[in-house]
Amino acid sequence: MGSGIKIPVNAKVSNMLIKGAGLSLMLIAGIVTYVLYRRRSTVNI
């Protein structure tokens, strides 16, 4: 979307999106590892 035109606002928005995506990915990874750890420790087969 408008890669040729560079506007400071777009740069700020893209930076916010990148930071938000990184934080959400870290949160998801943490939750997944926590759930897997809980399942492994609780269910001993």
N, C-alpha and C. Protein backbone atom coordinates (compact mmCIF):
# COMPACT_ATOMS: atom_id res chain seq x y z
N MET A 1 0.85 -1.19 0.00
CA MET A 1 0.00 0.00 0.00
C MET A 1 0.89 1.24 0.00
N GLY A 2 1.09 1.86 -1.14
CA GLY A 2 1.87 3.10 -1.23
C GLY A 2 3.29 2.94 -0.75
N SER A 3 4.00 1.96 -1.31
CA SER A 3 5.39 1.74 -0.89
C SER A 3 6.29 2.85 -1.43
N GLY A 4 5.92 3.48 -2.54
CA GLY A 4 6.75 4.53 -3.13
C GLY A 4 6.72 5.81 -2.32
N ILE A 5 5.56 6.11 -1.67
CA ILE A 5 5.44 7.34 -0.89
C ILE A 5 5.80 7.04 0.57
N LYS A 6 6.73 7.82 1.12
CA LYS A 6 7.14 7.60 2.51
C LYS A 6 6.70 8.79 3.35
N ILE A 7 5.83 8.55 4.33
CA ILE A 7 5.32 9.60 5.20
C ILE A 7 5.66 9.23 6.65
N PRO A 8 6.13 10.19 7.46
CA PRO A 8 6.47 9.89 8.86
C PRO A 8 5.35 9.16 9.59
N VAL A 9 4.09 9.53 9.31
CA VAL A 9 2.97 8.88 9.99
C VAL A 9 2.95 7.40 9.64
N ASN A 10 3.15 7.08 8.36
CA ASN A 10 3.17 5.68 7.97
C ASN A 10 4.30 4.94 8.66
N ALA A 11 5.46 5.59 8.78
CA ALA A 11 6.60 4.96 9.46
C ALA A 11 6.24 4.67 10.92
N LYS A 12 5.60 5.65 11.58
CA LYS A 12 5.21 5.44 12.98
C LYS A 12 4.22 4.30 13.09
N VAL A 13 3.24 4.27 12.20
CA VAL A 13 2.22 3.22 12.25
C VAL A 13 2.87 1.86 12.01
N SER A 14 3.78 1.78 11.03
CA SER A 14 4.42 0.50 10.74
C SER A 14 5.27 0.06 11.93
N ASN A 15 5.97 1.01 12.57
CA ASN A 15 6.76 0.66 13.75
C ASN A 15 5.85 0.13 14.86
N MET A 16 4.70 0.79 15.07
CA MET A 16 3.77 0.33 16.10
C MET A 16 3.26 -1.06 15.76
N LEU A 17 2.95 -1.29 14.48
CA LEU A 17 2.45 -2.60 14.08
C LEU A 17 3.51 -3.67 14.31
N ILE A 18 4.76 -3.36 13.96
CA ILE A 18 5.85 -4.33 14.14
C ILE A 18 6.03 -4.63 15.63
N LYS A 19 6.02 -3.59 16.47
CA LYS A 19 6.17 -3.81 17.91
C LYS A 19 4.99 -4.62 18.44
N GLY A 20 3.78 -4.28 18.01
CA GLY A 20 2.59 -5.01 18.47
C GLY A 20 2.65 -6.47 18.06
N ALA A 21 3.07 -6.72 16.82
CA ALA A 21 3.16 -8.10 16.34
C ALA A 21 4.20 -8.86 17.15
N GLY A 22 5.33 -8.23 17.42
CA GLY A 22 6.38 -8.90 18.20
C GLY A 22 5.89 -9.22 19.61
N LEU A 23 5.21 -8.27 20.24
CA LEU A 23 4.70 -8.50 21.60
C LEU A 23 3.66 -9.61 21.60
N SER A 24 2.75 -9.60 20.62
CA SER A 24 1.71 -10.64 20.57
C SER A 24 2.34 -12.01 20.33
N LEU A 25 3.36 -12.06 19.45
CA LEU A 25 4.03 -13.35 19.19
C LEU A 25 4.71 -13.84 20.47
N MET A 26 5.36 -12.95 21.21
CA MET A 26 6.00 -13.36 22.46
C MET A 26 4.95 -13.85 23.46
N LEU A 27 3.82 -13.17 23.53
CA LEU A 27 2.75 -13.58 24.45
C LEU A 27 2.24 -14.97 24.07
N ILE A 28 1.96 -15.17 22.76
CA ILE A 28 1.45 -16.46 22.30
C ILE A 28 2.47 -17.56 22.59
N ALA A 29 3.74 -17.29 22.30
CA ALA A 29 4.78 -18.30 22.55
C ALA A 29 4.84 -18.64 24.04
N GLY A 30 4.78 -17.63 24.89
CA GLY A 30 4.81 -17.87 26.33
C GLY A 30 3.63 -18.70 26.79
N ILE A 31 2.43 -18.38 26.30
CA ILE A 31 1.23 -19.13 26.69
C ILE A 31 1.34 -20.58 26.22
N VAL A 32 1.78 -20.78 24.98
CA VAL A 32 1.90 -22.14 24.43
C VAL A 32 2.90 -22.95 25.24
N THR A 33 4.06 -22.37 25.53
CA THR A 33 5.07 -23.11 26.30
C THR A 33 4.55 -23.40 27.70
N TYR A 34 3.82 -22.45 28.31
CA TYR A 34 3.27 -22.65 29.65
C TYR A 34 2.28 -23.81 29.65
N VAL A 35 1.37 -23.81 28.65
CA VAL A 35 0.36 -24.87 28.57
C VAL A 35 1.03 -26.22 28.35
N LEU A 36 2.01 -26.26 27.43
CA LEU A 36 2.70 -27.53 27.16
C LEU A 36 3.43 -28.01 28.42
N TYR A 37 4.08 -27.10 29.14
CA TYR A 37 4.79 -27.48 30.36
C TYR A 37 3.81 -28.02 31.40
N ARG A 38 2.67 -27.34 31.55
CA ARG A 38 1.66 -27.79 32.52
C ARG A 38 1.15 -29.18 32.15
N ARG A 39 0.89 -29.40 30.86
CA ARG A 39 0.38 -30.70 30.43
C ARG A 39 1.42 -31.79 30.68
N ARG A 40 2.68 -31.50 30.37
CA ARG A 40 3.73 -32.50 30.58
C ARG A 40 3.88 -32.82 32.06
N SER A 41 3.90 -31.79 32.90
CA SER A 41 4.13 -32.01 34.33
C SER A 41 2.90 -32.68 34.96
N THR A 42 1.69 -32.35 34.49
CA THR A 42 0.48 -32.91 35.09
C THR A 42 0.25 -34.33 34.61
N VAL A 43 0.31 -34.55 33.30
CA VAL A 43 0.03 -35.88 32.74
C VAL A 43 1.35 -36.62 32.54
N ASN A 44 1.62 -37.58 33.40
CA ASN A 44 2.84 -38.38 33.27
C ASN A 44 2.49 -39.75 32.72
N ILE A 45 2.75 -39.96 31.43
CA ILE A 45 2.42 -41.24 30.80
C ILE A 45 3.69 -42.06 30.64
